[in-house]
C-alpha atoms as a PDB file:
ATOM      1  CA  MET A   1     -17.954-159.202  56.110  1.00  0.00           C
ATOM      2  CA  GLU A   2     -19.717-158.264  52.668  1.00  0.00           C
ATOM      3  CA  ASP A   3     -20.280-155.227  51.105  1.00  0.00           C
ATOM      4  CA  THR A   4     -22.704-153.145  51.445  1.00  0.00           C
ATOM      5  CA  PRO A   5     -24.371-151.742  48.320  1.00  0.00           C
ATOM      6  CA  GLY A   6     -23.422-148.429  49.526  1.00  0.00           C
ATOM      7  CA  GLN A   7     -19.555-149.505  49.307  1.00  0.00           C
ATOM      8  CA  ALA A   8     -19.978-151.006  46.320  1.00  0.00           C
ATOM      9  CA  HIS A   9     -21.327-147.393  44.688  1.00  0.00           C
ATOM     10  CA  ASP A  10     -18.542-145.705  46.614  1.00  0.00           C
ATOM     11  CA  GLU A  11     -15.715-147.912  45.222  1.00  0.00           C
ATOM     12  CA  LYS A  12     -17.179-147.372  41.606  1.00  0.00           C
ATOM     13  CA  LEU A  13     -17.263-143.671  42.183  1.00  0.00           C
ATOM     14  CA  SER A  14     -13.370-143.734  43.505  1.00  0.00           C
ATOM     15  CA  GLY A  15     -12.569-145.329  40.367  1.00  0.00           C
ATOM     16  CA  ARG A  16     -13.991-143.222  38.167  1.00  0.00           C
ATOM     17  CA  LEU A  17     -12.592-140.094  39.775  1.00  0.00           C
ATOM     18  CA  ALA A  18      -9.265-141.904  39.760  1.00  0.00           C
ATOM     19  CA  GLY A  19      -9.885-141.962  35.926  1.00  0.00           C
ATOM     20  CA  VAL A  20     -10.824-138.242  35.358  1.00  0.00           C
ATOM     21  CA  GLN A  21      -7.561-137.338  37.391  1.00  0.00           C
ATOM     22  CA  ARG A  22      -5.062-139.825  34.876  1.00  0.00           C
ATOM     23  CA  ARG A  23      -7.240-137.816  32.193  1.00  0.00           C
ATOM     24  CA  PHE A  24      -8.751-134.752  32.780  1.00  0.00           C
ATOM     25  CA  LEU A  25      -7.768-132.452  29.900  1.00  0.00           C
ATOM     26  CA  PHE A  26      -5.884-133.375  26.480  1.00  0.00           C
ATOM     27  CA  LYS A  27      -5.182-136.185  28.010  1.00  0.00           C
ATOM     28  CA  LEU A  28      -3.657-134.384  31.025  1.00  0.00           C
ATOM     29  CA  GLY A  29      -4.029-135.023  34.589  1.00  0.00           C
ATOM     30  CA  LEU A  30      -5.991-132.467  37.086  1.00  0.00           C
ATOM     31  CA  ALA A  31      -2.496-132.052  38.457  1.00  0.00           C
ATOM     32  CA  ASP A  32      -0.759-130.990  35.044  1.00  0.00           C
ATOM     33  CA  VAL A  33      -3.898-128.981  34.225  1.00  0.00           C
ATOM     34  CA  LEU A  34      -3.609-127.138  37.683  1.00  0.00           C
ATOM     35  CA  ARG A  35       0.046-126.732  36.977  1.00  0.00           C
ATOM     36  CA  PHE A  36      -0.123-125.503  33.857  1.00  0.00           C
ATOM     37  CA  THR A  37      -2.851-122.504  35.369  1.00  0.00           C
ATOM     38  CA  MET A  38       0.099-121.613  37.754  1.00  0.00           C
ATOM     39  CA  PHE A  39       1.952-121.055  35.255  1.00  0.00           C
ATOM     40  CA  GLY A  40      -0.586-118.865  32.686  1.00  0.00           C
ATOM     41  CA  THR A  41      -1.428-117.390  36.007  1.00  0.00           C
ATOM     42  CA  MET A  42       2.709-115.540  36.421  1.00  0.00           C
ATOM     43  CA  ILE A  43       2.576-114.864  32.623  1.00  0.00           C
ATOM     44  CA  VAL A  44      -0.262-112.435  33.316  1.00  0.00           C
ATOM     45  CA  VAL A  45       1.213-111.134  37.241  1.00  0.00           C
ATOM     46  CA  VAL A  46       5.301-110.871  35.692  1.00  0.00           C
ATOM     47  CA  ASN A  47       3.792-109.445  31.890  1.00  0.00           C
ATOM     48  CA  ASP A  48       1.922-107.034  34.016  1.00  0.00           C
ATOM     49  CA  VAL A  49       4.895-106.140  36.169  1.00  0.00           C
ATOM     50  CA  THR A  50       7.557-105.693  34.548  1.00  0.00           C
ATOM     51  CA  ARG A  51       6.803-103.325  31.856  1.00  0.00           C
ATOM     52  CA  LEU A  52       9.550-101.239  31.917  1.00  0.00           C
ATOM     53  CA  PRO A  53       9.910 -97.543  29.854  1.00  0.00           C
ATOM     54  CA  LEU A  54      12.465 -98.948  27.296  1.00  0.00           C
ATOM     55  CA  GLN A  55      10.882 -98.060  24.351  1.00  0.00           C
ATOM     56  CA  ILE A  56      11.894-101.091  23.021  1.00  0.00           C
ATOM     57  CA  PRO A  57       8.994-103.756  20.944  1.00  0.00           C
ATOM     58  CA  GLY A  58       8.510-106.665  22.717  1.00  0.00           C
ATOM     59  CA  HIS A  59      11.234-106.636  25.449  1.00  0.00           C
ATOM     60  CA  THR A  60       8.729-108.258  28.109  1.00  0.00           C
ATOM     61  CA  SER A  61       8.739-111.407  25.869  1.00  0.00           C
ATOM     62  CA  ILE A  62      11.656-111.801  27.863  1.00  0.00           C
ATOM     63  CA  PHE A  63      10.136-112.999  30.861  1.00  0.00           C
ATOM     64  CA  TRP A  64       6.243-114.047  28.880  1.00  0.00           C
ATOM     65  CA  MET A  65       8.066-116.752  26.746  1.00  0.00           C
ATOM     66  CA  ALA A  66      10.508-117.909  29.113  1.00  0.00           C
ATOM     67  CA  ILE A  67       7.508-118.590  31.967  1.00  0.00           C
ATOM     68  CA  MET A  68       5.916-120.434  28.850  1.00  0.00           C
ATOM     69  CA  LEU A  69       8.239-122.567  27.787  1.00  0.00           C
ATOM     70  CA  LEU A  70       9.576-123.764  31.448  1.00  0.00           C
ATOM     71  CA  GLY A  71       5.762-124.765  31.875  1.00  0.00           C
ATOM     72  CA  ALA A  72       5.805-127.106  28.761  1.00  0.00           C
ATOM     73  CA  GLY A  73       9.304-128.115  29.507  1.00  0.00           C
ATOM     74  CA  LEU A  74       9.085-128.841  33.338  1.00  0.00           C
ATOM     75  CA  ILE A  75       5.908-130.805  31.653  1.00  0.00           C
ATOM     76  CA  PRO A  76       5.800-132.220  28.347  1.00  0.00           C
ATOM     77  CA  LYS A  77       2.684-132.847  27.163  1.00  0.00           C
ATOM     78  CA  PHE A  78       0.551-131.740  24.704  1.00  0.00           C
ATOM     79  CA  GLY A  79      -1.759-128.640  25.630  1.00  0.00           C
ATOM     80  CA  GLY A  80      -0.156-127.642  27.865  1.00  0.00           C
ATOM     81  CA  GLY A  81       0.848-123.930  25.707  1.00  0.00           C
ATOM     82  CA  MET A  82      -2.847-124.295  24.936  1.00  0.00           C
ATOM     83  CA  ILE A  83      -3.809-124.004  28.643  1.00  0.00           C
ATOM     84  CA  MET A  84      -0.870-121.608  29.615  1.00  0.00           C
ATOM     85  CA  GLY A  85      -2.181-119.048  26.779  1.00  0.00           C
ATOM     86  CA  SER A  86      -6.033-119.712  27.662  1.00  0.00           C
ATOM     87  CA  VAL A  87      -5.549-118.714  31.531  1.00  0.00           C
ATOM     88  CA  SER A  88      -3.661-116.118  30.534  1.00  0.00           C
ATOM     89  CA  GLY A  89      -5.791-114.617  28.111  1.00  0.00           C
ATOM     90  CA  VAL A  90      -8.858-114.951  30.127  1.00  0.00           C
ATOM     91  CA  LEU A  91      -6.995-113.393  33.093  1.00  0.00           C
ATOM     92  CA  ALA A  92      -5.876-110.321  30.630  1.00  0.00           C
ATOM     93  CA  VAL A  93      -9.627-109.686  29.532  1.00  0.00           C
ATOM     94  CA  VAL A  94     -10.399-110.249  33.182  1.00  0.00           C
ATOM     95  CA  LEU A  95      -8.116-107.380  34.301  1.00  0.00           C
ATOM     96  CA  GLY A  96      -8.683-105.037  31.204  1.00  0.00           C
ATOM     97  CA  LEU A  97      -5.178-105.559  29.977  1.00  0.00           C
ATOM     98  CA  GLY A  98      -3.858-103.211  26.747  1.00  0.00           C
ATOM     99  CA  LYS A  99      -5.913-101.704  24.173  1.00  0.00           C
ATOM    100  CA  GLU A 100      -7.463-104.478  22.174  1.00  0.00           C
ATOM    101  CA  GLY A 101     -10.548-105.210  24.622  1.00  0.00           C
ATOM    102  CA  VAL A 102     -11.676-109.153  24.246  1.00  0.00           C
ATOM    103  CA  PHE A 103      -9.385-109.533  21.695  1.00  0.00           C
ATOM    104  CA  ILE A 104      -5.560-109.648  23.543  1.00  0.00           C
ATOM    105  CA  PHE A 105      -7.066-113.328  24.230  1.00  0.00           C
ATOM    106  CA  PHE A 106      -5.553-113.934  21.493  1.00  0.00           C
ATOM    107  CA  LYS A 107      -2.491-112.462  22.224  1.00  0.00           C
ATOM    108  CA  TYR A 108      -1.495-114.552  24.870  1.00  0.00           C
ATOM    109  CA  PHE A 109      -3.380-118.039  23.505  1.00  0.00           C
ATOM    110  CA  VAL A 110      -1.737-117.997  20.765  1.00  0.00           C
ATOM    111  CA  PRO A 111       1.913-118.141  21.443  1.00  0.00           C
ATOM    112  CA  GLY A 112       1.061-121.163  23.832  1.00  0.00           C
ATOM    113  CA  LEU A 113      -0.439-122.914  20.660  1.00  0.00           C
ATOM    114  CA  VAL A 114       2.837-122.029  18.632  1.00  0.00           C
ATOM    115  CA  VAL A 115       4.362-123.632  21.581  1.00  0.00           C
ATOM    116  CA  ASP A 116       2.202-126.608  21.140  1.00  0.00           C
ATOM    117  CA  LEU A 117       3.181-126.621  17.718  1.00  0.00           C
ATOM    118  CA  LEU A 118       6.521-126.297  17.820  1.00  0.00           C
ATOM    119  CA  ALA A 119       7.581-128.688  21.475  1.00  0.00           C
ATOM    120  CA  PRO A 120       6.390-132.175  19.432  1.00  0.00           C
ATOM    121  CA  VAL A 121       8.216-131.154  16.206  1.00  0.00           C
ATOM    122  CA  PHE A 122      11.732-130.983  18.859  1.00  0.00           C
ATOM    123  CA  PHE A 123      10.574-133.850  20.971  1.00  0.00           C
ATOM    124  CA  TYR A 124       9.812-131.888  23.944  1.00  0.00           C
ATOM    125  CA  GLN A 125      13.566-131.258  24.228  1.00  0.00           C
ATOM    126  CA  LEU A 126      13.307-127.651  25.871  1.00  0.00           C
ATOM    127  CA  ALA A 127      16.250-128.263  27.897  1.00  0.00           C
ATOM    128  CA  ASN A 128      18.607-128.032  24.607  1.00  0.00           C
ATOM    129  CA  PRO A 129      19.733-124.130  24.583  1.00  0.00           C
ATOM    130  CA  PHE A 130      18.996-124.337  20.391  1.00  0.00           C
ATOM    131  CA  VAL A 131      15.490-125.438  20.787  1.00  0.00           C
ATOM    132  CA  GLY A 132      14.857-122.763  23.116  1.00  0.00           C
ATOM    133  CA  ILE A 133      15.904-120.401  21.214  1.00  0.00           C
ATOM    134  CA  ILE A 134      13.659-121.566  18.432  1.00  0.00           C
ATOM    135  CA  CYS A 135      10.908-121.521  20.328  1.00  0.00           C
ATOM    136  CA  GLY A 136      11.008-118.546  22.144  1.00  0.00           C
ATOM    137  CA  ALA A 137      12.017-116.574  19.065  1.00  0.00           C
ATOM    138  CA  LEU A 138       8.865-118.029  16.858  1.00  0.00           C
ATOM    139  CA  SER A 139       6.276-118.063  20.053  1.00  0.00           C
ATOM    140  CA  SER A 140       7.462-114.221  20.630  1.00  0.00           C
ATOM    141  CA  LEU A 141       7.111-113.303  16.889  1.00  0.00           C
ATOM    142  CA  SER A 142       3.612-114.711  16.523  1.00  0.00           C
ATOM    143  CA  LYS A 143       2.435-112.313  19.373  1.00  0.00           C
ATOM    144  CA  LEU A 144       3.662-109.480  17.184  1.00  0.00           C
ATOM    145  CA  LEU A 145       1.969-110.915  14.631  1.00  0.00           C
ATOM    146  CA  ILE A 146      -1.065-111.126  16.122  1.00  0.00           C
ATOM    147  CA  SER A 147      -0.707-107.257  17.430  1.00  0.00           C
ATOM    148  CA  LEU A 148      -0.305-106.272  14.120  1.00  0.00           C
ATOM    149  CA  LEU A 149      -3.372-108.337  12.867  1.00  0.00           C
ATOM    150  CA  LEU A 150      -5.912-107.134  15.795  1.00  0.00           C
ATOM    151  CA  GLY A 151      -4.159-103.121  15.490  1.00  0.00           C
ATOM    152  CA  LEU A 152      -5.406-103.369  11.740  1.00  0.00           C
ATOM    153  CA  LEU A 153      -8.534-105.324  11.981  1.00  0.00           C
ATOM    154  CA  LEU A 154      -9.471-103.310  15.030  1.00  0.00           C
ATOM    155  CA  LYS A 155      -7.949 -99.365  13.405  1.00  0.00           C
ATOM    156  CA  LEU A 156      -5.755 -99.282  16.663  1.00  0.00           C
ATOM    157  CA  PRO A 157      -2.768 -97.221  16.363  1.00  0.00           C
ATOM    158  CA  MET A 158       0.338 -99.289  16.385  1.00  0.00           C
ATOM    159  CA  GLY A 159       3.413 -97.610  18.333  1.00  0.00           C
ATOM    160  CA  PHE A 160       5.852-100.682  17.839  1.00  0.00           C
ATOM    161  CA  LEU A 161       5.619-100.237  14.301  1.00  0.00           C
ATOM    162  CA  ALA A 162       6.780 -96.510  14.725  1.00  0.00           C
ATOM    163  CA  MET A 163      10.864 -98.153  14.725  1.00  0.00           C
ATOM    164  CA  GLY A 164       9.694-100.220  11.326  1.00  0.00           C
ATOM    165  CA  LEU A 165       8.727-103.552  11.521  1.00  0.00           C
ATOM    166  CA  GLY A 166      11.767-105.021  10.673  1.00  0.00           C
ATOM    167  CA  TYR A 167      13.673-103.950  13.751  1.00  0.00           C
ATOM    168  CA  THR A 168      10.336-104.876  15.731  1.00  0.00           C
ATOM    169  CA  SER A 169      10.506-108.429  14.434  1.00  0.00           C
ATOM    170  CA  LEU A 170      14.111-108.352  15.380  1.00  0.00           C
ATOM    171  CA  THR A 171      13.755-107.130  18.574  1.00  0.00           C
ATOM    172  CA  HIS A 172      10.720-109.228  19.650  1.00  0.00           C
ATOM    173  CA  ALA A 173      12.707-112.515  18.186  1.00  0.00           C
ATOM    174  CA  ALA A 174      15.642-111.713  20.191  1.00  0.00           C
ATOM    175  CA  PHE A 175      13.617-111.267  23.669  1.00  0.00           C
ATOM    176  CA  GLY A 176      12.150-114.036  22.472  1.00  0.00           C
ATOM    177  CA  ALA A 177      15.243-115.987  22.355  1.00  0.00           C
ATOM    178  CA  ALA A 178      16.703-114.779  25.196  1.00  0.00           C
ATOM    179  CA  GLY A 179      13.364-115.983  27.056  1.00  0.00           C
ATOM    180  CA  GLY A 180      14.117-119.279  25.738  1.00  0.00           C
ATOM    181  CA  VAL A 181      17.711-119.505  27.077  1.00  0.00           C
ATOM    182  CA  LEU A 182      16.382-118.650  30.016  1.00  0.00           C
ATOM    183  CA  ALA A 183      13.817-121.189  30.474  1.00  0.00           C
ATOM    184  CA  VAL A 184      16.334-123.736  29.215  1.00  0.00           C
ATOM    185  CA  PHE A 185      18.779-122.516  32.590  1.00  0.00           C
ATOM    186  CA  LEU A 186      15.708-123.012  34.811  1.00  0.00           C
ATOM    187  CA  ILE A 187      14.500-126.031  33.339  1.00  0.00           C
ATOM    188  CA  ASN A 188      17.878-127.636  33.614  1.00  0.00           C
ATOM    189  CA  ARG A 189      18.437-126.137  37.182  1.00  0.00           C
ATOM    190  CA  LEU A 190      14.403-127.753  38.212  1.00  0.00           C
ATOM    191  CA  LYS A 191      13.741-130.170  36.157  1.00  0.00           C
ATOM    192  CA  PRO A 192      15.855-132.632  38.468  1.00  0.00           C
ATOM    193  CA  ARG A 193      14.340-131.867  41.625  1.00  0.00           C
ATOM    194  CA  LEU A 194      10.388-132.133  40.354  1.00  0.00           C
ATOM    195  CA  VAL A 195      10.948-135.921  39.400  1.00  0.00           C
ATOM    196  CA  ARG A 196       7.259-136.024  41.071  1.00  0.00           C
ATOM    197  CA  TRP A 197       6.013-134.155  38.225  1.00  0.00           C
ATOM    198  CA  GLU A 198       5.112-136.493  35.327  1.00  0.00           C
END
């Protein structure tokens, strides 16, 4: 039985769609982009829910950086940090989080960009505690830098500087590093169970 023109067209279309699923964005498959979107959504939700009245600058970084590094560690591909940062930044703008308005997007995007730049330097070995600590601390410090720049540019009150920039930097780095350690623990526990994620 011969193929009809409709069947040939359907086969070509399914071949093209399979190609799109293999390389959707940043040479990532559609499934990977959806997973990174899930992690980006979790970042905003957890960041908003875990705001405790501790009066310690950067205390949410322990959860925020843990989720971002967990996503990058479970799916070790370039572009994941930017996708997670973009999704969480857009959600933060839509939900009206923070006093920066639409510029809060950069507060979420830049740590994702930093993760994307640091992970290849360490060959995506985010399950290593040393790498997790470094990536978590630097990502959290990049969030502080963006907060500082936005505060200066938009002339916003910067309550996190009341205790001094050195103390604020130290707490951001410490909480980011703790988030990196948490991510390392979760990556080591989850990676063997998620063998089909790559």
